[in-house]
PDB file of N, CA and C in Angstrom:
ATOM      1  N   MET A   1      -3.742  -2.565   8.740  1.00  0.00           N
ATOM      2  CA  MET A   1      -2.309  -2.534   8.885  1.00  0.00           C
ATOM      3  C   MET A   1      -1.689  -2.577   7.489  1.00  0.00           C
ATOM      4  N   MET A   2      -0.646  -1.831   7.295  1.00  0.00           N
ATOM      5  CA  MET A   2       0.147  -1.904   6.057  1.00  0.00           C
ATOM      6  C   MET A   2       1.483  -2.475   6.478  1.00  0.00           C
ATOM      7  N   GLU A   3       1.765  -3.685   6.044  1.00  0.00           N
ATOM      8  CA  GLU A   3       2.921  -4.431   6.524  1.00  0.00           C
ATOM      9  C   GLU A   3       3.759  -4.965   5.365  1.00  0.00           C
ATOM     10  N   PRO A   4       5.020  -5.322   5.625  1.00  0.00           N
ATOM     11  CA  PRO A   4       5.825  -5.964   4.584  1.00  0.00           C
ATOM     12  C   PRO A   4       5.200  -7.298   4.192  1.00  0.00           C
ATOM     13  N   TYR A   5       5.322  -7.640   2.926  1.00  0.00           N
ATOM     14  CA  TYR A   5       4.841  -8.931   2.429  1.00  0.00           C
ATOM     15  C   TYR A   5       5.988  -9.610   1.688  1.00  0.00           C
ATOM     16  N   VAL A   6       6.221 -10.862   2.020  1.00  0.00           N
ATOM     17  CA  VAL A   6       7.306 -11.613   1.385  1.00  0.00           C
ATOM     18  C   VAL A   6       6.734 -12.432   0.231  1.00  0.00           C
ATOM     19  N   SER A   7       7.067 -12.004  -0.974  1.00  0.00           N
ATOM     20  CA  SER A   7       6.675 -12.704  -2.201  1.00  0.00           C
ATOM     21  C   SER A   7       7.949 -13.196  -2.885  1.00  0.00           C
ATOM     22  N   TRP A   8       7.787 -13.856  -4.018  1.00  0.00           N
ATOM     23  CA  TRP A   8       8.968 -14.285  -4.771  1.00  0.00           C
ATOM     24  C   TRP A   8       9.844 -13.092  -5.148  1.00  0.00           C
ATOM     25  N   LEU A   9       9.218 -11.981  -5.518  1.00  0.00           N
ATOM     26  CA  LEU A   9       9.971 -10.801  -5.928  1.00  0.00           C
ATOM     27  C   LEU A   9      10.587 -10.059  -4.738  1.00  0.00           C
ATOM     28  N   SER A  10       9.827  -9.935  -3.646  1.00  0.00           N
ATOM     29  CA  SER A  10      10.333  -9.153  -2.514  1.00  0.00           C
ATOM     30  C   SER A  10      11.299  -9.929  -1.620  1.00  0.00           C
ATOM     31  N   TYR A  11      11.278 -11.258  -1.680  1.00  0.00           N
ATOM     32  CA  TYR A  11      12.141 -12.065  -0.813  1.00  0.00           C
ATOM     33  C   TYR A  11      13.607 -11.624  -0.863  1.00  0.00           C
ATOM     34  N   PRO A  12      14.244 -11.551  -2.041  1.00  0.00           N
ATOM     35  CA  PRO A  12      15.663 -11.169  -2.032  1.00  0.00           C
ATOM     36  C   PRO A  12      15.907  -9.746  -1.516  1.00  0.00           C
ATOM     37  N   VAL A  13      14.967  -8.852  -1.741  1.00  0.00           N
ATOM     38  CA  VAL A  13      15.132  -7.476  -1.253  1.00  0.00           C
ATOM     39  C   VAL A  13      15.079  -7.452   0.267  1.00  0.00           C
ATOM     40  N   TYR A  14      14.046  -8.080   0.853  1.00  0.00           N
ATOM     41  CA  TYR A  14      13.938  -8.108   2.315  1.00  0.00           C
ATOM     42  C   TYR A  14      15.056  -8.934   2.944  1.00  0.00           C
ATOM     43  N   ARG A  15      15.449  -9.992   2.294  1.00  0.00           N
ATOM     44  CA  ARG A  15      16.464 -10.896   2.862  1.00  0.00           C
ATOM     45  C   ARG A  15      17.867 -10.308   2.806  1.00  0.00           C
ATOM     46  N   PHE A  16      18.228  -9.675   1.688  1.00  0.00           N
ATOM     47  CA  PHE A  16      19.617  -9.261   1.509  1.00  0.00           C
ATOM     48  C   PHE A  16      19.849  -7.751   1.499  1.00  0.00           C
ATOM     49  N   LEU A  17      18.820  -6.948   1.266  1.00  0.00           N
ATOM     50  CA  LEU A  17      19.036  -5.515   1.105  1.00  0.00           C
ATOM     51  C   LEU A  17      18.377  -4.642   2.170  1.00  0.00           C
ATOM     52  N   HIS A  18      17.412  -5.164   2.887  1.00  0.00           N
ATOM     53  CA  HIS A  18      16.665  -4.353   3.842  1.00  0.00           C
ATOM     54  C   HIS A  18      17.375  -4.310   5.197  1.00  0.00           C
ATOM     55  N   ALA A  19      17.344  -3.161   5.853  1.00  0.00           N
ATOM     56  CA  ALA A  19      18.039  -2.962   7.128  1.00  0.00           C
ATOM     57  C   ALA A  19      17.535  -3.901   8.231  1.00  0.00           C
ATOM     58  N   GLU A  20      16.239  -4.215   8.229  1.00  0.00           N
ATOM     59  CA  GLU A  20      15.690  -5.042   9.302  1.00  0.00           C
ATOM     60  C   GLU A  20      15.912  -6.532   9.101  1.00  0.00           C
ATOM     61  N   GLY A  21      16.231  -6.946   7.922  1.00  0.00           N
ATOM     62  CA  GLY A  21      16.449  -8.363   7.684  1.00  0.00           C
ATOM     63  C   GLY A  21      15.158  -9.151   7.557  1.00  0.00           C
ATOM     64  N   MET A  22      15.316 -10.444   7.272  1.00  0.00           N
ATOM     65  CA  MET A  22      14.164 -11.290   7.049  1.00  0.00           C
ATOM     66  C   MET A  22      14.540 -12.728   7.394  1.00  0.00           C
ATOM     67  N   LYS A  23      13.844 -13.295   8.354  1.00  0.00           N
ATOM     68  CA  LYS A  23      14.079 -14.686   8.753  1.00  0.00           C
ATOM     69  C   LYS A  23      12.797 -15.467   8.493  1.00  0.00           C
ATOM     70  N   TRP A  24      12.835 -16.331   7.489  1.00  0.00           N
ATOM     71  CA  TRP A  24      11.647 -17.069   7.076  1.00  0.00           C
ATOM     72  C   TRP A  24      11.371 -18.267   7.975  1.00  0.00           C
ATOM     73  N   ASN A  25      12.404 -18.937   8.441  1.00  0.00           N
ATOM     74  CA  ASN A  25      12.241 -20.165   9.223  1.00  0.00           C
ATOM     75  C   ASN A  25      12.167 -19.855  10.712  1.00  0.00           C
ATOM     76  N   THR A  26      11.086 -19.199  11.094  1.00  0.00           N
ATOM     77  CA  THR A  26      10.869 -18.870  12.496  1.00  0.00           C
ATOM     78  C   THR A  26       9.378 -18.930  12.793  1.00  0.00           C
ATOM     79  N   ASP A  27       9.063 -19.124  14.042  1.00  0.00           N
ATOM     80  CA  ASP A  27       7.667 -19.146  14.461  1.00  0.00           C
ATOM     81  C   ASP A  27       7.374 -17.818  15.154  1.00  0.00           C
ATOM     82  N   PRO A  28       6.558 -16.959  14.561  1.00  0.00           N
ATOM     83  CA  PRO A  28       6.315 -15.638  15.141  1.00  0.00           C
ATOM     84  C   PRO A  28       5.535 -15.673  16.455  1.00  0.00           C
ATOM     85  N   PHE A  29       4.981 -16.837  16.817  1.00  0.00           N
ATOM     86  CA  PHE A  29       4.196 -16.927  18.044  1.00  0.00           C
ATOM     87  C   PHE A  29       5.014 -17.417  19.236  1.00  0.00           C
ATOM     88  N   LEU A  30       6.261 -17.798  19.007  1.00  0.00           N
ATOM     89  CA  LEU A  30       7.116 -18.186  20.120  1.00  0.00           C
ATOM     90  C   LEU A  30       7.592 -16.927  20.831  1.00  0.00           C
ATOM     91  N   ASP A  31       7.772 -17.018  22.129  1.00  0.00           N
ATOM     92  CA  ASP A  31       8.239 -15.868  22.908  1.00  0.00           C
ATOM     93  C   ASP A  31       9.688 -15.565  22.525  1.00  0.00           C
ATOM     94  N   GLN A  32       9.874 -14.466  21.835  1.00  0.00           N
ATOM     95  CA  GLN A  32      11.203 -14.050  21.404  1.00  0.00           C
ATOM     96  C   GLN A  32      11.475 -12.687  22.015  1.00  0.00           C
ATOM     97  N   SER A  33      12.181 -12.696  23.109  1.00  0.00           N
ATOM     98  CA  SER A  33      12.440 -11.473  23.855  1.00  0.00           C
ATOM     99  C   SER A  33      13.108 -10.417  22.985  1.00  0.00           C
ATOM    100  N   SER A  34      12.687  -9.184  23.170  1.00  0.00           N
ATOM    101  CA  SER A  34      13.291  -8.082  22.424  1.00  0.00           C
ATOM    102  C   SER A  34      14.406  -7.423  23.222  1.00  0.00           C
ATOM    103  N   GLU A  35      14.689  -7.961  24.403  1.00  0.00           N
ATOM    104  CA  GLU A  35      15.776  -7.406  25.217  1.00  0.00           C
ATOM    105  C   GLU A  35      17.103  -7.536  24.502  1.00  0.00           C
ATOM    106  N   GLY A  36      17.857  -6.456  24.481  1.00  0.00           N
ATOM    107  CA  GLY A  36      19.180  -6.481  23.867  1.00  0.00           C
ATOM    108  C   GLY A  36      19.171  -6.369  22.357  1.00  0.00           C
ATOM    109  N   LYS A  37      17.987  -6.243  21.751  1.00  0.00           N
ATOM    110  CA  LYS A  37      17.909  -6.121  20.289  1.00  0.00           C
ATOM    111  C   LYS A  37      18.161  -4.688  19.861  1.00  0.00           C
ATOM    112  N   GLU A  38      18.787  -4.542  18.739  1.00  0.00           N
ATOM    113  CA  GLU A  38      18.965  -3.234  18.130  1.00  0.00           C
ATOM    114  C   GLU A  38      17.638  -2.824  17.478  1.00  0.00           C
ATOM    115  N   PRO A  39      17.390  -1.516  17.301  1.00  0.00           N
ATOM    116  CA  PRO A  39      16.114  -1.075  16.726  1.00  0.00           C
ATOM    117  C   PRO A  39      15.796  -1.670  15.349  1.00  0.00           C
ATOM    118  N   PHE A  40      16.809  -1.911  14.521  1.00  0.00           N
ATOM    119  CA  PHE A  40      16.545  -2.456  13.183  1.00  0.00           C
ATOM    120  C   PHE A  40      16.809  -3.955  13.118  1.00  0.00           C
ATOM    121  N   GLU A  41      16.671  -4.628  14.232  1.00  0.00           N
ATOM    122  CA  GLU A  41      16.878  -6.074  14.276  1.00  0.00           C
ATOM    123  C   GLU A  41      15.541  -6.807  14.200  1.00  0.00           C
ATOM    124  N   GLY A  42      14.646  -6.304  13.380  1.00  0.00           N
ATOM    125  CA  GLY A  42      13.329  -6.901  13.235  1.00  0.00           C
ATOM    126  C   GLY A  42      13.334  -8.037  12.229  1.00  0.00           C
ATOM    127  N   ASN A  43      12.145  -8.472  11.875  1.00  0.00           N
ATOM    128  CA  ASN A  43      11.990  -9.555  10.910  1.00  0.00           C
ATOM    129  C   ASN A  43      10.846  -9.194   9.968  1.00  0.00           C
ATOM    130  N   GLN A  44      11.185  -8.841   8.742  1.00  0.00           N
ATOM    131  CA  GLN A  44      10.196  -8.433   7.749  1.00  0.00           C
ATOM    132  C   GLN A  44       9.222  -9.553   7.384  1.00  0.00           C
ATOM    133  N   ALA A  45       9.540 -10.791   7.724  1.00  0.00           N
ATOM    134  CA  ALA A  45       8.684 -11.924   7.356  1.00  0.00           C
ATOM    135  C   ALA A  45       7.508 -12.123   8.303  1.00  0.00           C
ATOM    136  N   VAL A  46       7.514 -11.497   9.471  1.00  0.00           N
ATOM    137  CA  VAL A  46       6.486 -11.769  10.482  1.00  0.00           C
ATOM    138  C   VAL A  46       5.057 -11.597   9.953  1.00  0.00           C
ATOM    139  N   PRO A  47       4.695 -10.498   9.301  1.00  0.00           N
ATOM    140  CA  PRO A  47       3.303 -10.385   8.825  1.00  0.00           C
ATOM    141  C   PRO A  47       2.907 -11.496   7.842  1.00  0.00           C
ATOM    142  N   THR A  48       3.808 -11.860   6.948  1.00  0.00           N
ATOM    143  CA  THR A  48       3.506 -12.933   5.998  1.00  0.00           C
ATOM    144  C   THR A  48       3.377 -14.266   6.726  1.00  0.00           C
ATOM    145  N   LEU A  49       4.250 -14.503   7.689  1.00  0.00           N
ATOM    146  CA  LEU A  49       4.175 -15.733   8.466  1.00  0.00           C
ATOM    147  C   LEU A  49       2.857 -15.799   9.249  1.00  0.00           C
ATOM    148  N   VAL A  50       2.484 -14.717   9.899  1.00  0.00           N
ATOM    149  CA  VAL A  50       1.269 -14.694  10.721  1.00  0.00           C
ATOM    150  C   VAL A  50       0.020 -14.882   9.870  1.00  0.00           C
ATOM    151  N   PHE A  51      -0.063 -14.164   8.737  1.00  0.00           N
ATOM    152  CA  PHE A  51      -1.314 -14.170   7.975  1.00  0.00           C
ATOM    153  C   PHE A  51      -1.334 -15.158   6.815  1.00  0.00           C
ATOM    154  N   GLU A  52      -0.271 -15.926   6.640  1.00  0.00           N
ATOM    155  CA  GLU A  52      -0.298 -16.980   5.625  1.00  0.00           C
ATOM    156  C   GLU A  52       0.116 -18.313   6.241  1.00  0.00           C
ATOM    157  N   LYS A  53       1.382 -18.493   6.539  1.00  0.00           N
ATOM    158  CA  LYS A  53       1.884 -19.786   7.017  1.00  0.00           C
ATOM    159  C   LYS A  53       1.214 -20.228   8.325  1.00  0.00           C
ATOM    160  N   TYR A  54       1.034 -19.293   9.267  1.00  0.00           N
ATOM    161  CA  TYR A  54       0.454 -19.620  10.572  1.00  0.00           C
ATOM    162  C   TYR A  54      -0.925 -18.993  10.755  1.00  0.00           C
ATOM    163  N   ARG A  55      -1.645 -18.798   9.691  1.00  0.00           N
ATOM    164  CA  ARG A  55      -2.949 -18.126   9.728  1.00  0.00           C
ATOM    165  C   ARG A  55      -3.937 -18.825  10.657  1.00  0.00           C
ATOM    166  N   GLU A  56      -4.027 -20.148  10.548  1.00  0.00           N
ATOM    167  CA  GLU A  56      -4.977 -20.883  11.385  1.00  0.00           C
ATOM    168  C   GLU A  56      -4.661 -20.703  12.864  1.00  0.00           C
ATOM    169  N   ARG A  57      -3.381 -20.732  13.204  1.00  0.00           N
ATOM    170  CA  ARG A  57      -2.995 -20.553  14.600  1.00  0.00           C
ATOM    171  C   ARG A  57      -3.334 -19.138  15.072  1.00  0.00           C
ATOM    172  N   PHE A  58      -3.126 -18.139  14.215  1.00  0.00           N
ATOM    173  CA  PHE A  58      -3.476 -16.765  14.575  1.00  0.00           C
ATOM    174  C   PHE A  58      -4.946 -16.685  14.982  1.00  0.00           C
ATOM    175  N   PHE A  59      -5.836 -17.272  14.177  1.00  0.00           N
ATOM    176  CA  PHE A  59      -7.262 -17.178  14.469  1.00  0.00           C
ATOM    177  C   PHE A  59      -7.678 -18.088  15.627  1.00  0.00           C
ATOM    178  N   MET A  60      -6.902 -19.125  15.905  1.00  0.00           N
ATOM    179  CA  MET A  60      -7.158 -19.927  17.105  1.00  0.00           C
ATOM    180  C   MET A  60      -6.785 -19.123  18.358  1.00  0.00           C
ATOM    181  N   LEU A  61      -5.684 -18.379  18.288  1.00  0.00           N
ATOM    182  CA  LEU A  61      -5.239 -17.566  19.418  1.00  0.00           C
ATOM    183  C   LEU A  61      -6.081 -16.305  19.605  1.00  0.00           C
ATOM    184  N   PHE A  62      -6.617 -15.779  18.506  1.00  0.00           N
ATOM    185  CA  PHE A  62      -7.407 -14.540  18.542  1.00  0.00           C
ATOM    186  C   PHE A  62      -8.753 -14.764  17.838  1.00  0.00           C
ATOM    187  N   PRO A  63      -9.614 -15.601  18.418  1.00  0.00           N
ATOM    188  CA  PRO A  63     -10.854 -15.987  17.743  1.00  0.00           C
ATOM    189  C   PRO A  63     -11.848 -14.843  17.527  1.00  0.00           C
ATOM    190  N   ARG A  64     -11.687 -13.750  18.242  1.00  0.00           N
ATOM    191  CA  ARG A  64     -12.625 -12.628  18.088  1.00  0.00           C
ATOM    192  C   ARG A  64     -12.222 -11.680  16.963  1.00  0.00           C
ATOM    193  N   LEU A  65     -11.092 -11.944  16.321  1.00  0.00           N
ATOM    194  CA  LEU A  65     -10.665 -11.097  15.212  1.00  0.00           C
ATOM    195  C   LEU A  65     -11.103 -11.707  13.888  1.00  0.00           C
ATOM    196  N   ASN A  66     -11.513 -10.834  12.990  1.00  0.00           N
ATOM    197  CA  ASN A  66     -11.989 -11.240  11.675  1.00  0.00           C
ATOM    198  C   ASN A  66     -11.304 -10.367  10.624  1.00  0.00           C
ATOM    199  N   VAL A  67     -10.899 -10.963   9.502  1.00  0.00           N
ATOM    200  CA  VAL A  67     -10.310 -10.190   8.412  1.00  0.00           C
ATOM    201  C   VAL A  67     -11.427  -9.557   7.603  1.00  0.00           C
ATOM    202  N   VAL A  68     -11.450  -8.226   7.562  1.00  0.00           N
ATOM    203  CA  VAL A  68     -12.452  -7.486   6.809  1.00  0.00           C
ATOM    204  C   VAL A  68     -11.972  -7.240   5.390  1.00  0.00           C
ATOM    205  N   HIS A  69     -10.687  -6.976   5.247  1.00  0.00           N
ATOM    206  CA  HIS A  69     -10.103  -6.700   3.925  1.00  0.00           C
ATOM    207  C   HIS A  69      -8.644  -7.133   3.943  1.00  0.00           C
ATOM    208  N   GLU A  70      -8.206  -7.710   2.824  1.00  0.00           N
ATOM    209  CA  GLU A  70      -6.808  -8.146   2.699  1.00  0.00           C
ATOM    210  C   GLU A  70      -6.379  -7.964   1.250  1.00  0.00           C
ATOM    211  N   GLN A  71      -5.229  -7.334   1.065  1.00  0.00           N
ATOM    212  CA  GLN A  71      -4.738  -7.101  -0.296  1.00  0.00           C
ATOM    213  C   GLN A  71      -3.218  -7.094  -0.306  1.00  0.00           C
ATOM    214  N   LYS A  72      -2.669  -7.800  -1.267  1.00  0.00           N
ATOM    215  CA  LYS A  72      -1.222  -7.786  -1.491  1.00  0.00           C
ATOM    216  C   LYS A  72      -0.969  -6.778  -2.605  1.00  0.00           C
ATOM    217  N   LEU A  73      -0.090  -5.810  -2.337  1.00  0.00           N
ATOM    218  CA  LEU A  73       0.092  -4.745  -3.320  1.00  0.00           C
ATOM    219  C   LEU A  73       1.516  -4.202  -3.329  1.00  0.00           C
ATOM    220  N   ASP A  74       1.716  -3.229  -4.197  1.00  0.00           N
ATOM    221  CA  ASP A  74       2.982  -2.513  -4.333  1.00  0.00           C
ATOM    222  C   ASP A  74       4.113  -3.398  -4.864  1.00  0.00           C
ATOM    223  N   SER A  75       4.074  -3.626  -6.164  1.00  0.00           N
ATOM    224  CA  SER A  75       5.121  -4.440  -6.783  1.00  0.00           C
ATOM    225  C   SER A  75       6.126  -3.613  -7.581  1.00  0.00           C
ATOM    226  N   LEU A  76       5.794  -2.385  -7.933  1.00  0.00           N
ATOM    227  CA  LEU A  76       6.708  -1.566  -8.736  1.00  0.00           C
ATOM    228  C   LEU A  76       7.087  -0.253  -8.052  1.00  0.00           C
ATOM    229  N   ILE A  77       6.091   0.585  -7.797  1.00  0.00           N
ATOM    230  CA  ILE A  77       6.362   1.937  -7.309  1.00  0.00           C
ATOM    231  C   ILE A  77       7.005   1.927  -5.924  1.00  0.00           C
ATOM    232  N   TYR A  78       6.492   1.096  -5.022  1.00  0.00           N
ATOM    233  CA  TYR A  78       7.059   1.059  -3.667  1.00  0.00           C
ATOM    234  C   TYR A  78       8.541   0.681  -3.669  1.00  0.00           C
ATOM    235  N   PRO A  79       8.938  -0.419  -4.309  1.00  0.00           N
ATOM    236  CA  PRO A  79      10.379  -0.722  -4.301  1.00  0.00           C
ATOM    237  C   PRO A  79      11.224   0.325  -5.029  1.00  0.00           C
ATOM    238  N   LEU A  80      10.665   0.932  -6.067  1.00  0.00           N
ATOM    239  CA  LEU A  80      11.416   1.965  -6.786  1.00  0.00           C
ATOM    240  C   LEU A  80      11.537   3.266  -5.989  1.00  0.00           C
ATOM    241  N   SER A  81      10.687   3.426  -4.964  1.00  0.00           N
ATOM    242  CA  SER A  81      10.740   4.648  -4.157  1.00  0.00           C
ATOM    243  C   SER A  81      12.022   4.723  -3.337  1.00  0.00           C
ATOM    244  N   GLY A  82      12.663   3.579  -3.111  1.00  0.00           N
ATOM    245  CA  GLY A  82      13.904   3.572  -2.334  1.00  0.00           C
ATOM    246  C   GLY A  82      13.703   3.525  -0.839  1.00  0.00           C
ATOM    247  N   GLY A  83      12.468   3.520  -0.384  1.00  0.00           N
ATOM    248  CA  GLY A  83      12.215   3.472   1.052  1.00  0.00           C
ATOM    249  C   GLY A  83      12.626   4.757   1.738  1.00  0.00           C
ATOM    250  N   PHE A  84      13.017   4.660   3.009  1.00  0.00           N
ATOM    251  CA  PHE A  84      13.358   5.844   3.795  1.00  0.00           C
ATOM    252  C   PHE A  84      14.783   6.331   3.565  1.00  0.00           C
ATOM    253  N   HIS A  85      15.681   5.433   3.190  1.00  0.00           N
ATOM    254  CA  HIS A  85      17.095   5.793   3.183  1.00  0.00           C
ATOM    255  C   HIS A  85      17.752   5.809   1.811  1.00  0.00           C
ATOM    256  N   GLN A  86      17.137   5.218   0.832  1.00  0.00           N
ATOM    257  CA  GLN A  86      17.754   5.106  -0.489  1.00  0.00           C
ATOM    258  C   GLN A  86      17.235   6.194  -1.419  1.00  0.00           C
ATOM    259  N   PRO A  87      17.947   6.475  -2.478  1.00  0.00           N
ATOM    260  CA  PRO A  87      17.432   7.464  -3.435  1.00  0.00           C
ATOM    261  C   PRO A  87      16.209   6.918  -4.182  1.00  0.00           C
ATOM    262  N   ASN A  88      15.320   7.806  -4.547  1.00  0.00           N
ATOM    263  CA  ASN A  88      14.133   7.447  -5.312  1.00  0.00           C
ATOM    264  C   ASN A  88      14.561   7.067  -6.729  1.00  0.00           C
ATOM    265  N   LEU A  89      14.184   5.878  -7.160  1.00  0.00           N
ATOM    266  CA  LEU A  89      14.530   5.391  -8.496  1.00  0.00           C
ATOM    267  C   LEU A  89      13.362   5.498  -9.469  1.00  0.00           C
ATOM    268  N   CYS A  90      12.272   6.140  -9.031  1.00  0.00           N
ATOM    269  CA  CYS A  90      11.071   6.259  -9.861  1.00  0.00           C
ATOM    270  C   CYS A  90      10.940   7.690 -10.366  1.00  0.00           C
ATOM    271  N   PRO A  91      11.290   7.943 -11.620  1.00  0.00           N
ATOM    272  CA  PRO A  91      11.132   9.301 -12.156  1.00  0.00           C
ATOM    273  C   PRO A  91       9.663   9.709 -12.169  1.00  0.00           C
ATOM    274  N   LEU A  92       9.407  10.935 -11.818  1.00  0.00           N
ATOM    275  CA  LEU A  92       8.041  11.437 -11.727  1.00  0.00           C
ATOM    276  C   LEU A  92       7.270  11.284 -13.038  1.00  0.00           C
ATOM    277  N   PHE A  93       7.936  11.434 -14.184  1.00  0.00           N
ATOM    278  CA  PHE A  93       7.230  11.346 -15.470  1.00  0.00           C
ATOM    279  C   PHE A  93       6.738   9.921 -15.756  1.00  0.00           C
ATOM    280  N   LEU A  94       7.266   8.910 -15.066  1.00  0.00           N
ATOM    281  CA  LEU A  94       6.823   7.523 -15.258  1.00  0.00           C
ATOM    282  C   LEU A  94       5.750   7.092 -14.262  1.00  0.00           C
ATOM    283  N   TRP A  95       5.432   7.973 -13.312  1.00  0.00           N
ATOM    284  CA  TRP A  95       4.528   7.609 -12.220  1.00  0.00           C
ATOM    285  C   TRP A  95       3.206   7.045 -12.716  1.00  0.00           C
ATOM    286  N   ARG A  96       2.488   7.772 -13.581  1.00  0.00           N
ATOM    287  CA  ARG A  96       1.159   7.321 -14.043  1.00  0.00           C
ATOM    288  C   ARG A  96       1.248   5.993 -14.801  1.00  0.00           C
ATOM    289  N   PHE A  97       2.273   5.854 -15.635  1.00  0.00           N
ATOM    290  CA  PHE A  97       2.455   4.606 -16.383  1.00  0.00           C
ATOM    291  C   PHE A  97       2.672   3.437 -15.423  1.00  0.00           C
ATOM    292  N   LEU A  98       3.573   3.619 -14.463  1.00  0.00           N
ATOM    293  CA  LEU A  98       3.869   2.552 -13.506  1.00  0.00           C
ATOM    294  C   LEU A  98       2.672   2.243 -12.612  1.00  0.00           C
ATOM    295  N   GLU A  99       1.901   3.259 -12.278  1.00  0.00           N
ATOM    296  CA  GLU A  99       0.702   3.057 -11.472  1.00  0.00           C
ATOM    297  C   GLU A  99      -0.313   2.192 -12.229  1.00  0.00           C
ATOM    298  N   GLY A 100      -0.495   2.469 -13.521  1.00  0.00           N
ATOM    299  CA  GLY A 100      -1.386   1.660 -14.342  1.00  0.00           C
ATOM    300  C   GLY A 100      -0.883   0.239 -14.504  1.00  0.00           C
ATOM    301  N   LEU A 101       0.411   0.101 -14.733  1.00  0.00           N
ATOM    302  CA  LEU A 101       1.013  -1.225 -14.859  1.00  0.00           C
ATOM    303  C   LEU A 101       0.869  -2.019 -13.565  1.00  0.00           C
ATOM    304  N   GLU A 102       1.037  -1.337 -12.450  1.00  0.00           N
ATOM    305  CA  GLU A 102       0.892  -2.004 -11.151  1.00  0.00           C
ATOM    306  C   GLU A 102      -0.540  -2.505 -10.948  1.00  0.00           C
ATOM    307  N   ARG A 103      -1.532  -1.728 -11.375  1.00  0.00           N
ATOM    308  CA  ARG A 103      -2.932  -2.178 -11.277  1.00  0.00           C
ATOM    309  C   ARG A 103      -3.146  -3.450 -12.098  1.00  0.00           C
ATOM    310  N   LEU A 104      -2.533  -3.517 -13.281  1.00  0.00           N
ATOM    311  CA  LEU A 104      -2.640  -4.719 -14.112  1.00  0.00           C
ATOM    312  C   LEU A 104      -1.974  -5.925 -13.445  1.00  0.00           C
ATOM    313  N   LEU A 105      -0.924  -5.684 -12.675  1.00  0.00           N
ATOM    314  CA  LEU A 105      -0.179  -6.760 -12.021  1.00  0.00           C
ATOM    315  C   LEU A 105      -0.779  -7.189 -10.683  1.00  0.00           C
ATOM    316  N   ASN A 106      -1.771  -6.453 -10.183  1.00  0.00           N
ATOM    317  CA  ASN A 106      -2.359  -6.769  -8.877  1.00  0.00           C
ATOM    318  C   ASN A 106      -2.795  -8.220  -8.717  1.00  0.00           C
ATOM    319  N   PRO A 107      -3.375  -8.880  -9.738  1.00  0.00           N
ATOM    320  CA  PRO A 107      -3.747 -10.281  -9.559  1.00  0.00           C
ATOM    321  C   PRO A 107      -2.556 -11.199  -9.262  1.00  0.00           C
ATOM    322  N   LEU A 108      -1.355 -10.743  -9.549  1.00  0.00           N
ATOM    323  CA  LEU A 108      -0.151 -11.538  -9.284  1.00  0.00           C
ATOM    324  C   LEU A 108       0.510 -11.149  -7.962  1.00  0.00           C
ATOM    325  N   GLY A 109      -0.251 -10.501  -7.083  1.00  0.00           N
ATOM    326  CA  GLY A 109       0.275 -10.001  -5.819  1.00  0.00           C
ATOM    327  C   GLY A 109       0.999 -11.038  -4.981  1.00  0.00           C
ATOM    328  N   SER A 110       0.517 -12.270  -4.965  1.00  0.00           N
ATOM    329  CA  SER A 110       1.178 -13.308  -4.172  1.00  0.00           C
ATOM    330  C   SER A 110       2.605 -13.566  -4.631  1.00  0.00           C
ATOM    331  N   PHE A 111       2.899 -13.248  -5.879  1.00  0.00           N
ATOM    332  CA  PHE A 111       4.235 -13.474  -6.434  1.00  0.00           C
ATOM    333  C   PHE A 111       5.085 -12.209  -6.490  1.00  0.00           C
ATOM    334  N   LEU A 112       4.434 -11.026  -6.571  1.00  0.00           N
ATOM    335  CA  LEU A 112       5.166  -9.791  -6.844  1.00  0.00           C
ATOM    336  C   LEU A 112       5.084  -8.719  -5.752  1.00  0.00           C
ATOM    337  N   ALA A 113       4.152  -8.825  -4.836  1.00  0.00           N
ATOM    338  CA  ALA A 113       3.888  -7.746  -3.880  1.00  0.00           C
ATOM    339  C   ALA A 113       5.002  -7.558  -2.864  1.00  0.00           C
ATOM    340  N   PHE A 114       5.129  -6.318  -2.410  1.00  0.00           N
ATOM    341  CA  PHE A 114       6.069  -5.963  -1.355  1.00  0.00           C
ATOM    342  C   PHE A 114       5.348  -5.634  -0.048  1.00  0.00           C
ATOM    343  N   ARG A 115       4.047  -5.387  -0.127  1.00  0.00           N
ATOM    344  CA  ARG A 115       3.325  -5.022   1.086  1.00  0.00           C
ATOM    345  C   ARG A 115       1.981  -5.730   1.177  1.00  0.00           C
ATOM    346  N   LEU A 116       1.530  -5.880   2.411  1.00  0.00           N
ATOM    347  CA  LEU A 116       0.248  -6.508   2.721  1.00  0.00           C
ATOM    348  C   LEU A 116      -0.607  -5.482   3.459  1.00  0.00           C
ATOM    349  N   PHE A 117      -1.772  -5.205   2.893  1.00  0.00           N
ATOM    350  CA  PHE A 117      -2.738  -4.328   3.550  1.00  0.00           C
ATOM    351  C   PHE A 117      -3.813  -5.223   4.123  1.00  0.00           C
ATOM    352  N   ILE A 118      -3.991  -5.173   5.431  1.00  0.00           N
ATOM    353  CA  ILE A 118      -4.974  -6.055   6.067  1.00  0.00           C
ATOM    354  C   ILE A 118      -5.747  -5.266   7.124  1.00  0.00           C
ATOM    355  N   VAL A 119      -7.068  -5.436   7.100  1.00  0.00           N
ATOM    356  CA  VAL A 119      -7.945  -4.780   8.068  1.00  0.00           C
ATOM    357  C   VAL A 119      -8.581  -5.862   8.915  1.00  0.00           C
ATOM    358  N   LEU A 120      -8.405  -5.770  10.225  1.00  0.00           N
ATOM    359  CA  LEU A 120      -8.985  -6.714  11.161  1.00  0.00           C
ATOM    360  C   LEU A 120     -10.103  -6.027  11.940  1.00  0.00           C
ATOM    361  N   GLU A 121     -11.110  -6.822  12.288  1.00  0.00           N
ATOM    362  CA  GLU A 121     -12.236  -6.313  13.063  1.00  0.00           C
ATOM    363  C   GLU A 121     -12.454  -7.232  14.255  1.00  0.00           C
ATOM    364  N   LYS A 122     -12.718  -6.637  15.386  1.00  0.00           N
ATOM    365  CA  LYS A 122     -12.991  -7.423  16.588  1.00  0.00           C
ATOM    366  C   LYS A 122     -14.485  -7.720  16.651  1.00  0.00           C
ATOM    367  N   ARG A 123     -14.814  -9.004  16.747  1.00  0.00           N
ATOM    368  CA  ARG A 123     -16.224  -9.427  16.835  1.00  0.00           C
ATOM    369  C   ARG A 123     -16.694  -9.394  18.277  1.00  0.00           C
ATOM    370  N   GLY A 124     -17.997  -9.154  18.433  1.00  0.00           N
ATOM    371  CA  GLY A 124     -18.647  -9.236  19.729  1.00  0.00           C
ATOM    372  C   GLY A 124     -18.052  -8.349  20.720  1.00  0.00           C
TER     373      GLY A 124
END
């Protein structure tokens, strides 16, 4: 899965600038009916909440799932892309430079990342 990740850098973007919004103080495992919700009334924090704050509960509820790969990434190029609706702020001539810089910043993913790449495998 490639999902939003809430880091120190991405928090203000998801909280104040993203169409879907971001609610950090919520429990993603509580029954929250989607009836009457608008299509962009989601919560960008859910993947981070599930796989970090409530990770133990996730694996208690789904004991047959195992994390095969997990990576926090996209701290520069993804936010500069503007997403689906905004203009691209990343000039093509800077692409290779920013890509290299992003690789150097990967160890700081917990603080800078905008996305979470996670691969789950079902056991047995």
